[in-house]
Amino acid sequence: MTTGDKLSCRVDEIREKVREARKHQRYYEANKKRLNAEYKAAQKAGEVHTKAGLGSGFGLLPWLLLGMGAFSNLFQGEASNPWIGGLGLLTFNSLYIYVAFRAFHKETRDAVSTRVALVLLGLVTFGLAMAYGGNWLLFFPLFGLATGAVVRLPHLRWVGAVVTVVAGAASVFRDGWGGLDTAYATWISTMVTAAIMSLSEAVRQLREAREELARRAVEEERLRFSRDLHDLLGHTLSVIVVKSEAARRLAPRDLDAALVQVSDIESVGRQALTEIREAVTGYREGSLSTDLDLAASALRAAGIEPVVHRSGQPLAAQTEALLGWVVREAVTNAVRHSGAERCEISVQGSAERVRLRVWDDGRGTTAGTAPTVGECGGECGSENAGRLSIPVVGGTGLKGLAERLAAAGGSLEAGPGPRGGFVVRAELPVESVTPERPGEPAGAVRAARIGEVAG
């Protein structure tokens, strides 16, 4: 087998691996959508439950033992009209249990039936206290406990005051000034119960908020990884395909040039592996200069003349990473779909904003889509910072980038260029950074013209 045949076999192997990688990427996207759809369906069906509040109505039932004195009065014959007293005691206990079990859930606690039951409980308590006095006055603290379990601020203060005044008046009327102790016990039971219930709800809400934040963090991490995977693999695989085709074309007539392309494929593949590992761990910080160099190399391999201009002060790592993503996606689209002969990439920075522009002289659209002009309608000024100026441009790449830039206070536009072809514009606020090299002032102007030497 000749060297050309070996090279051709190697190129075929690389193309097969590229197809396999794209197959896995499509499977990942489809599986992610399916899982999200199943989770939303489970939420609508009520299969995803929220944890109940702390405690239940059983925690309030032991306090009914305060009524044992009244119960003993009935059996010992110390209460007049025992049948009426027994019926009142049964009614009180039934209403108290009903209110207690409905007080631990906001929906049932705020229901009209619960409020009506609480009012009836108060009337029964007042009637029994006025009719019998003595041990029957202890139903007032129980009524205060039920009131504190149901009523919340801002109504709690005046409702608690009314209950306390009524309890104090009835107790003083039946037992003299010693009844003020009952009024004090009623006030304490009302306020302490309300405080404990409010604290219980606050703990439950904090726990739910923590779980919601954790769930959102997982979703954001999945979204970040899917975006990084799309941007990394989309650009890298496009470069590998372009260079593989260039190597196949060059192999029959210029073996050395073909070997150079194969060497570039190996280098790009190794770099892609490193970037994917860093994307998985979340520590990737892009270098705009590296992305510009790779973009120029990919354009040259596709037969497109690259012209890159860069000027302005050094940028923060996050800003360079975001602009690098835009360069990758725009150049990938140009290589795949544009059929262009020339592609210009310019990065211009000022004291407040940095602008990236990628223009090609190709067909002016991406495959299968109809681009539209972004909302900014041109260069987005600072007043449009953070607006999601999103075009309808192929796939999810530019749409995902528009969301990223909007979250960072920037904007992204894409559509037909004024001179024909297709143009992508990105704008971000400038963050303060230290000089990239020792001795270089932060405001130094750097300009480079990359790609013209290769012709």
Protein backbone atom coordinates (compact mmCIF):
# COMPACT_ATOMS: atom_id res chain seq x y z
CA MET A 1 0.00 0.00 0.00
CA THR A 2 1.39 3.37 -1.03
CA THR A 3 1.67 6.38 1.24
CA GLY A 4 -1.23 8.01 -0.63
CA ASP A 5 -3.42 4.98 -0.01
CA LYS A 6 -2.52 4.99 3.69
CA LEU A 7 -3.31 8.68 3.87
CA SER A 8 -6.63 8.12 2.15
CA CYS A 9 -7.49 5.33 4.60
CA ARG A 10 -6.57 7.59 7.48
CA VAL A 11 -8.80 10.36 6.14
CA ASP A 12 -11.68 7.87 5.75
CA GLU A 13 -11.23 6.76 9.36
CA ILE A 14 -11.35 10.37 10.54
CA ARG A 15 -14.51 11.04 8.54
CA GLU A 16 -16.13 7.93 10.04
CA LYS A 17 -15.27 9.11 13.55
CA VAL A 18 -16.72 12.52 12.73
CA ARG A 19 -19.98 10.91 11.60
CA GLU A 20 -20.06 8.80 14.77
CA ALA A 21 -19.50 11.88 16.95
CA ARG A 22 -22.31 13.72 15.21
CA LYS A 23 -24.58 10.71 15.72
CA HIS A 24 -23.86 10.74 19.47
CA GLN A 25 -24.49 14.49 19.60
CA ARG A 26 -27.89 14.09 17.91
CA TYR A 27 -28.74 11.29 20.33
CA TYR A 28 -27.80 13.49 23.29
CA GLU A 29 -30.00 16.35 22.08
CA ALA A 30 -32.98 14.05 21.45
CA ASN A 31 -32.58 12.33 24.82
CA LYS A 32 -32.37 15.67 26.65
CA LYS A 33 -35.59 16.88 25.02
CA ARG A 34 -37.34 13.62 25.86
CA LEU A 35 -36.33 13.78 29.54
CA ASN A 36 -37.45 17.40 29.82
CA ALA A 37 -40.80 16.54 28.23
CA GLU A 38 -41.31 13.61 30.61
CA TYR A 39 -40.49 15.74 33.65
CA LYS A 40 -42.95 18.47 32.60
CA ALA A 41 -45.64 15.86 31.97
CA ALA A 42 -45.04 14.40 35.44
CA GLN A 43 -45.38 17.87 36.97
CA LYS A 44 -48.70 18.47 35.22
CA ALA A 45 -49.97 15.06 36.30
CA GLY A 46 -49.08 15.80 39.93
CA GLU A 47 -46.54 13.00 40.16
CA VAL A 48 -43.82 15.38 41.30
CA HIS A 49 -44.83 16.22 44.84
CA THR A 50 -43.76 19.07 47.06
CA LYS A 51 -42.80 18.11 50.58
CA ALA A 52 -45.49 18.82 53.15
CA GLY A 53 -45.05 21.34 55.90
CA LEU A 54 -43.43 20.52 59.21
CA GLY A 55 -45.76 18.79 61.67
CA SER A 56 -49.46 18.02 61.39
CA GLY A 57 -52.71 18.38 63.30
CA PHE A 58 -51.71 15.51 65.61
CA GLY A 59 -49.27 17.89 67.30
CA LEU A 60 -52.17 20.01 68.58
CA LEU A 61 -54.34 17.17 69.88
CA PRO A 62 -52.57 16.55 73.25
CA TRP A 63 -53.65 20.02 74.39
CA LEU A 64 -57.21 18.72 74.56
CA LEU A 65 -56.19 17.23 77.92
CA LEU A 66 -56.85 20.71 79.35
CA GLY A 67 -60.52 19.85 79.03
CA MET A 68 -60.27 16.80 81.29
CA GLY A 69 -61.40 18.93 84.26
CA ALA A 70 -64.64 19.82 82.49
CA PHE A 71 -65.07 16.17 81.48
CA SER A 72 -64.67 15.03 85.11
CA ASN A 73 -67.24 17.64 86.20
CA LEU A 74 -69.79 16.02 83.93
CA PHE A 75 -69.23 12.52 85.37
CA GLN A 76 -69.09 13.71 88.96
CA GLY A 77 -72.38 15.58 88.56
CA GLU A 78 -70.82 18.94 89.40
CA ALA A 79 -72.17 20.54 86.21
CA SER A 80 -75.80 21.49 85.76
CA ASN A 81 -77.56 20.23 82.64
CA PRO A 82 -74.91 17.54 81.97
CA TRP A 83 -76.47 16.59 78.62
CA ILE A 84 -76.10 20.14 77.34
CA GLY A 85 -72.56 20.29 78.77
CA GLY A 86 -71.68 16.95 77.18
CA LEU A 87 -73.05 18.06 73.81
CA GLY A 88 -71.08 21.32 74.08
CA LEU A 89 -67.91 19.40 74.98
CA LEU A 90 -68.36 17.06 72.01
CA THR A 91 -68.98 20.02 69.70
CA PHE A 92 -65.90 21.85 70.98
CA ASN A 93 -63.62 18.83 70.52
CA SER A 94 -64.96 18.14 67.02
CA LEU A 95 -64.49 21.74 65.87
CA TYR A 96 -61.03 21.92 67.49
CA ILE A 97 -59.84 18.74 65.74
CA TYR A 98 -61.25 19.95 62.41
CA VAL A 99 -59.46 23.30 62.69
CA ALA A 100 -56.21 21.70 63.92
CA PHE A 101 -55.88 19.38 60.93
CA ARG A 102 -56.68 22.13 58.44
CA ALA A 103 -54.26 24.66 59.95
CA PHE A 104 -51.05 23.13 58.54
CA HIS A 105 -51.77 23.73 54.86
CA LYS A 106 -52.26 27.20 53.45
CA GLU A 107 -55.02 26.21 51.04
CA THR A 108 -57.20 24.60 53.74
CA ARG A 109 -56.23 27.13 56.40
CA ASP A 110 -57.43 30.04 54.27
CA ALA A 111 -60.64 28.25 53.26
CA VAL A 112 -63.96 29.78 54.30
CA SER A 113 -65.02 26.55 56.02
CA THR A 114 -62.01 26.71 58.33
CA ARG A 115 -62.74 30.33 59.29
CA VAL A 116 -66.41 29.47 59.92
CA ALA A 117 -65.38 26.51 62.10
CA LEU A 118 -63.05 28.79 64.08
CA VAL A 119 -65.87 31.32 64.69
CA LEU A 120 -68.22 28.52 65.81
CA LEU A 121 -65.46 27.21 68.10
CA GLY A 122 -65.21 30.66 69.69
CA LEU A 123 -68.98 30.86 70.24
CA VAL A 124 -69.07 27.38 71.81
CA THR A 125 -66.09 28.28 74.05
CA PHE A 126 -67.73 31.51 75.21
CA GLY A 127 -71.07 29.76 75.84
CA LEU A 128 -69.54 26.94 77.91
CA ALA A 129 -67.39 29.37 79.90
CA MET A 130 -70.33 31.62 80.73
CA ALA A 131 -72.61 28.68 81.57
CA TYR A 132 -70.22 26.67 83.78
CA GLY A 133 -67.08 28.68 84.65
CA GLY A 134 -64.37 26.96 86.69
CA ASN A 135 -62.51 24.29 84.68
CA TRP A 136 -64.56 25.18 81.62
CA LEU A 137 -62.67 28.47 81.39
CA LEU A 138 -59.59 26.50 80.27
CA PHE A 139 -61.24 26.12 76.88
CA PHE A 140 -60.23 29.74 76.20
CA PRO A 141 -56.48 28.90 76.00
CA LEU A 142 -57.41 26.00 73.72
CA PHE A 143 -59.41 28.37 71.54
CA GLY A 144 -56.42 30.75 71.55
CA LEU A 145 -54.19 27.89 70.38
CA ALA A 146 -56.57 27.13 67.49
CA THR A 147 -56.72 30.84 66.64
CA GLY A 148 -52.92 31.11 66.52
CA ALA A 149 -52.76 28.06 64.28
CA VAL A 150 -55.16 29.55 61.71
CA VAL A 151 -54.73 33.34 61.77
CA ARG A 152 -51.59 35.05 60.40
CA LEU A 153 -50.30 38.59 60.25
CA PRO A 154 -51.51 41.28 59.80
CA HIS A 155 -54.84 40.09 61.25
CA LEU A 156 -53.23 38.14 64.09
CA ARG A 157 -52.70 41.17 66.37
CA TRP A 158 -56.27 42.42 66.52
CA VAL A 159 -57.80 38.92 66.43
CA GLY A 160 -55.53 37.85 69.30
CA ALA A 161 -56.43 41.00 71.23
CA VAL A 162 -60.17 40.41 70.77
CA VAL A 163 -59.89 36.77 71.87
CA THR A 164 -57.86 37.78 74.92
CA VAL A 165 -60.29 40.54 75.93
CA VAL A 166 -63.30 38.25 75.57
CA ALA A 167 -61.54 35.51 77.57
CA GLY A 168 -60.58 38.02 80.27
CA ALA A 169 -64.09 39.49 80.51
CA ALA A 170 -65.77 36.07 80.73
CA SER A 171 -63.23 34.77 83.26
CA VAL A 172 -63.50 37.85 85.49
CA PHE A 173 -67.28 37.67 85.29
CA ARG A 174 -67.29 34.02 86.41
CA ASP A 175 -64.28 33.77 88.75
CA GLY A 176 -63.42 37.35 89.69
CA TRP A 177 -60.05 38.97 89.15
CA GLY A 178 -58.36 35.59 89.28
CA GLY A 179 -59.74 35.08 85.77
CA LEU A 180 -57.05 37.41 84.43
CA ASP A 181 -54.70 34.42 84.54
CA THR A 182 -56.94 32.75 81.98
CA ALA A 183 -56.76 35.86 79.79
CA TYR A 184 -52.96 35.84 80.01
CA ALA A 185 -52.82 32.11 79.16
CA THR A 186 -55.10 32.74 76.18
CA TRP A 187 -52.86 35.54 74.89
CA ILE A 188 -49.70 33.45 75.31
CA SER A 189 -51.17 30.35 73.64
CA THR A 190 -52.40 32.42 70.68
CA MET A 191 -49.14 34.24 70.03
CA VAL A 192 -46.76 31.35 70.74
CA THR A 193 -48.71 28.98 68.51
CA ALA A 194 -48.79 31.55 65.70
CA ALA A 195 -45.04 32.11 66.07
CA ILE A 196 -44.28 28.38 65.97
CA MET A 197 -46.52 27.84 62.96
CA SER A 198 -44.98 30.79 61.12
CA LEU A 199 -41.48 29.49 61.86
CA SER A 200 -42.51 26.05 60.63
CA GLU A 201 -43.76 27.52 57.36
CA ALA A 202 -40.61 29.62 56.97
CA VAL A 203 -38.44 26.53 57.40
CA ARG A 204 -40.53 24.64 54.87
CA GLN A 205 -40.35 27.50 52.36
CA LEU A 206 -36.59 27.79 52.81
CA ARG A 207 -36.19 24.08 52.24
CA GLU A 208 -38.33 24.24 49.12
CA ALA A 209 -36.38 27.27 47.90
CA ARG A 210 -33.11 25.43 48.47
CA GLU A 211 -34.39 22.43 46.52
CA GLU A 212 -35.61 24.70 43.73
CA LEU A 213 -32.24 26.46 43.57
CA ALA A 214 -30.48 23.11 43.43
CA ARG A 215 -32.79 21.96 40.63
CA ARG A 216 -32.21 25.16 38.68
CA ALA A 217 -28.47 24.86 39.20
CA VAL A 218 -28.59 21.37 37.70
CA GLU A 219 -30.65 22.63 34.76
CA GLU A 220 -28.29 25.55 34.17
CA GLU A 221 -25.29 23.22 34.31
CA ARG A 222 -26.92 20.90 31.79
CA LEU A 223 -27.71 23.87 29.56
CA ARG A 224 -24.14 25.15 29.88
CA PHE A 225 -22.70 21.78 29.01
CA SER A 226 -25.03 21.30 26.03
CA ARG A 227 -24.09 24.74 24.71
CA ASP A 228 -20.38 24.15 25.22
CA LEU A 229 -20.65 20.74 23.59
CA HIS A 230 -22.51 22.17 20.62
CA ASP A 231 -20.09 25.04 20.15
CA LEU A 232 -16.97 22.95 20.67
CA LEU A 233 -17.97 19.98 18.55
CA GLY A 234 -19.73 22.03 15.89
CA HIS A 235 -16.68 24.16 15.17
CA THR A 236 -14.06 21.46 15.69
CA LEU A 237 -15.81 18.83 13.60
CA SER A 238 -16.33 21.35 10.82
CA VAL A 239 -12.61 22.15 10.83
CA ILE A 240 -11.76 18.43 10.80
CA VAL A 241 -14.11 17.79 7.87
CA VAL A 242 -12.76 20.73 5.87
CA LYS A 243 -9.14 19.76 6.47
CA SER A 244 -9.89 16.10 5.71
CA GLU A 245 -11.38 17.09 2.36
CA ALA A 246 -8.38 19.31 1.70
CA ALA A 247 -6.01 16.44 2.53
CA ARG A 248 -7.94 14.09 0.20
CA ARG A 249 -7.72 16.60 -2.64
CA LEU A 250 -4.03 17.28 -2.07
CA ALA A 251 -2.93 13.66 -1.57
CA PRO A 252 -2.70 12.65 -5.27
CA ARG A 253 -0.57 15.63 -6.30
CA ASP A 254 1.11 17.07 -3.18
CA LEU A 255 1.68 14.52 -0.46
CA ASP A 256 3.62 16.89 1.79
CA ALA A 257 0.81 19.45 1.79
CA ALA A 258 -1.68 16.68 2.54
CA LEU A 259 0.44 15.54 5.49
CA VAL A 260 0.40 19.11 6.81
CA GLN A 261 -3.41 19.06 6.73
CA VAL A 262 -3.45 15.69 8.52
CA SER A 263 -1.10 17.12 11.15
CA ASP A 264 -3.49 20.04 11.61
CA ILE A 265 -6.36 17.57 12.03
CA GLU A 266 -4.45 15.80 14.79
CA SER A 267 -3.67 19.11 16.49
CA VAL A 268 -7.28 20.30 16.30
CA GLY A 269 -8.49 16.95 17.65
CA ARG A 270 -6.14 17.08 20.62
CA GLN A 271 -7.16 20.64 21.40
CA ALA A 272 -10.83 19.66 21.14
CA LEU A 273 -10.29 16.84 23.64
CA THR A 274 -8.69 19.27 26.08
CA GLU A 275 -11.47 21.84 25.66
CA ILE A 276 -14.19 19.23 26.13
CA ARG A 277 -12.59 18.04 29.37
CA GLU A 278 -12.37 21.64 30.56
CA ALA A 279 -15.98 22.29 29.51
CA VAL A 280 -17.13 19.28 31.54
CA THR A 281 -15.41 20.59 34.66
CA GLY A 282 -16.61 24.14 33.99
CA TYR A 283 -13.19 25.76 34.10
CA ARG A 284 -12.73 26.63 30.44
CA GLU A 285 -11.54 30.18 29.81
CA GLY A 286 -11.34 30.90 26.11
CA SER A 287 -8.55 32.78 24.41
CA LEU A 288 -9.81 35.06 21.65
CA SER A 289 -6.41 35.12 19.95
CA THR A 290 -6.38 31.32 19.73
CA ASP A 291 -9.91 31.25 18.39
CA LEU A 292 -9.02 33.86 15.77
CA ASP A 293 -5.99 31.85 14.67
CA LEU A 294 -8.04 28.65 14.43
CA ALA A 295 -10.77 30.48 12.53
CA ALA A 296 -8.23 31.81 10.01
CA SER A 297 -6.77 28.32 9.57
CA ALA A 298 -10.21 26.78 9.02
CA LEU A 299 -11.17 29.46 6.50
CA ARG A 300 -7.95 28.99 4.54
CA ALA A 301 -8.46 25.22 4.45
CA ALA A 302 -11.97 25.80 3.05
CA GLY A 303 -10.62 28.07 0.33
CA ILE A 304 -11.92 31.27 1.95
CA GLU A 305 -9.58 34.25 2.35
CA PRO A 306 -9.52 35.28 6.02
CA VAL A 307 -8.90 38.91 7.03
CA VAL A 308 -8.79 39.53 10.78
CA HIS A 309 -8.51 42.93 12.45
CA ARG A 310 -8.19 43.38 16.20
CA SER A 311 -7.77 46.60 18.12
CA GLY A 312 -8.47 47.86 21.62
CA GLN A 313 -7.45 47.17 25.17
CA PRO A 314 -6.98 43.70 26.70
CA LEU A 315 -10.24 41.97 27.57
CA ALA A 316 -11.33 39.96 30.57
CA ALA A 317 -11.20 36.18 30.25
CA GLN A 318 -14.99 35.83 30.32
CA THR A 319 -15.40 38.46 27.60
CA GLU A 320 -12.78 36.76 25.42
CA ALA A 321 -14.49 33.41 25.95
CA LEU A 322 -17.88 34.76 24.85
CA LEU A 323 -16.43 36.48 21.78
CA GLY A 324 -14.49 33.31 20.99
CA TRP A 325 -17.75 31.35 20.95
CA VAL A 326 -19.22 33.85 18.50
CA VAL A 327 -16.15 33.60 16.24
CA ARG A 328 -16.35 29.81 16.28
CA GLU A 329 -20.05 29.70 15.43
CA ALA A 330 -19.90 32.41 12.75
CA VAL A 331 -16.86 30.87 11.03
CA THR A 332 -18.39 27.39 11.24
CA ASN A 333 -21.52 28.65 9.48
CA ALA A 334 -19.39 30.43 6.87
CA VAL A 335 -17.39 27.27 6.17
CA ARG A 336 -20.45 25.03 6.01
CA HIS A 337 -23.02 27.10 4.17
CA SER A 338 -21.78 30.40 2.76
CA GLY A 339 -19.81 29.42 -0.35
CA ALA A 340 -17.84 32.63 0.28
CA GLU A 341 -14.47 33.66 -1.09
CA ARG A 342 -13.61 36.16 1.64
CA CYS A 343 -14.40 36.45 5.33
CA GLU A 344 -13.61 39.49 7.47
CA ILE A 345 -13.39 39.32 11.25
CA SER A 346 -12.96 42.55 13.21
CA VAL A 347 -12.71 43.13 16.95
CA GLN A 348 -12.92 46.76 18.05
CA GLY A 349 -12.74 47.79 21.67
CA SER A 350 -13.46 51.11 23.33
CA ALA A 351 -13.42 52.25 26.95
CA GLU A 352 -16.90 50.84 27.59
CA ARG A 353 -17.86 48.38 24.85
CA VAL A 354 -16.19 45.80 22.62
CA ARG A 355 -17.69 44.94 19.23
CA LEU A 356 -17.11 41.87 17.10
CA ARG A 357 -18.12 41.69 13.43
CA VAL A 358 -17.86 38.64 11.18
CA TRP A 359 -18.80 39.17 7.52
CA ASP A 360 -18.53 36.90 4.51
CA ASP A 361 -19.33 37.56 0.85
CA GLY A 362 -21.23 34.33 0.36
CA ARG A 363 -24.86 33.58 -0.34
CA GLY A 364 -26.04 35.58 2.64
CA THR A 365 -28.06 32.86 4.39
CA THR A 366 -27.61 29.58 6.14
CA ALA A 367 -28.99 26.31 4.93
CA GLY A 368 -32.68 25.92 5.34
CA THR A 369 -33.31 29.17 7.18
CA ALA A 370 -34.54 32.64 6.47
CA PRO A 371 -32.54 35.11 8.50
CA THR A 372 -33.99 38.29 9.86
CA VAL A 373 -32.40 41.44 11.17
CA GLY A 374 -32.03 41.71 14.93
CA GLU A 375 -33.99 44.16 17.01
CA CYS A 376 -31.15 46.62 17.22
CA GLY A 377 -31.16 47.10 13.46
CA GLY A 378 -27.45 47.77 13.23
CA GLU A 379 -24.76 48.61 15.75
CA CYS A 380 -26.31 48.15 19.13
CA GLY A 381 -25.60 51.02 21.43
CA SER A 382 -25.19 50.86 25.18
CA GLU A 383 -28.86 51.59 25.61
CA ASN A 384 -29.60 48.17 24.12
CA ALA A 385 -27.23 46.29 26.41
CA GLY A 386 -28.67 43.07 27.58
CA ARG A 387 -31.41 42.96 24.94
CA LEU A 388 -31.76 39.54 23.32
CA SER A 389 -31.45 40.73 19.72
CA ILE A 390 -31.79 37.25 18.33
CA PRO A 391 -32.02 36.35 14.64
CA VAL A 392 -33.67 33.31 13.17
CA VAL A 393 -30.43 31.76 12.00
CA GLY A 394 -29.74 28.06 11.52
CA GLY A 395 -29.73 25.62 14.41
CA THR A 396 -29.32 26.47 18.05
CA GLY A 397 -25.77 27.85 17.92
CA LEU A 398 -26.41 31.58 17.41
CA LYS A 399 -29.58 31.45 19.49
CA GLY A 400 -27.68 29.98 22.43
CA LEU A 401 -24.92 32.56 21.98
CA ALA A 402 -27.49 35.37 21.93
CA GLU A 403 -28.80 34.15 25.30
CA ARG A 404 -25.27 34.02 26.73
CA LEU A 405 -24.42 37.52 25.55
CA ALA A 406 -27.72 38.91 26.80
CA ALA A 407 -27.02 37.42 30.24
CA ALA A 408 -23.64 39.20 30.22
CA GLY A 409 -25.18 42.55 29.28
CA GLY A 410 -24.43 42.29 25.56
CA SER A 411 -26.31 41.62 22.34
CA LEU A 412 -26.03 39.54 19.18
CA GLU A 413 -27.32 40.20 15.66
CA ALA A 414 -27.12 38.19 12.46
CA GLY A 415 -28.53 38.64 8.99
CA PRO A 416 -27.79 39.75 5.44
CA GLY A 417 -24.96 42.28 5.24
CA PRO A 418 -25.34 45.74 3.66
CA ARG A 419 -22.75 44.71 1.02
CA GLY A 420 -24.35 41.33 0.50
CA GLY A 421 -23.26 38.12 2.12
CA PHE A 422 -23.93 37.41 5.78
CA VAL A 423 -22.88 39.37 8.86
CA VAL A 424 -22.80 38.52 12.57
CA ARG A 425 -22.40 41.33 15.09
CA ALA A 426 -21.73 40.88 18.81
CA GLU A 427 -21.32 43.53 21.48
CA LEU A 428 -20.29 43.22 25.12
CA PRO A 429 -19.41 45.60 27.96
CA VAL A 430 -15.69 45.88 28.70
CA GLU A 431 -14.52 44.63 32.07
CA SER A 432 -11.39 45.97 33.74
CA VAL A 433 -8.43 43.60 33.47
CA THR A 434 -4.74 43.63 34.17
CA PRO A 435 -2.36 43.88 31.22
CA GLU A 436 -1.82 40.60 29.38
CA ARG A 437 1.96 41.00 29.32
CA PRO A 438 4.31 42.64 31.82
CA GLY A 439 4.90 46.25 30.96
CA GLU A 440 1.95 46.51 28.57
CA PRO A 441 -0.41 49.33 29.55
CA ALA A 442 -4.08 48.46 29.95
CA GLY A 443 -5.04 50.88 27.20
CA ALA A 444 -2.50 49.72 24.66
CA VAL A 445 -3.81 49.35 21.15
CA ARG A 446 -3.01 46.14 19.37
CA ALA A 447 -3.79 45.57 15.72
CA ALA A 448 -3.14 42.49 13.67
CA ARG A 449 -3.88 41.44 10.16
CA ILE A 450 -3.98 37.68 9.98
CA GLY A 451 -4.43 35.51 6.96
CA GLU A 452 -3.35 37.75 4.12
CA VAL A 453 0.15 36.30 4.02
CA ALA A 454 -1.26 32.89 3.20
CA GLY A 455 -3.07 34.24 0.15
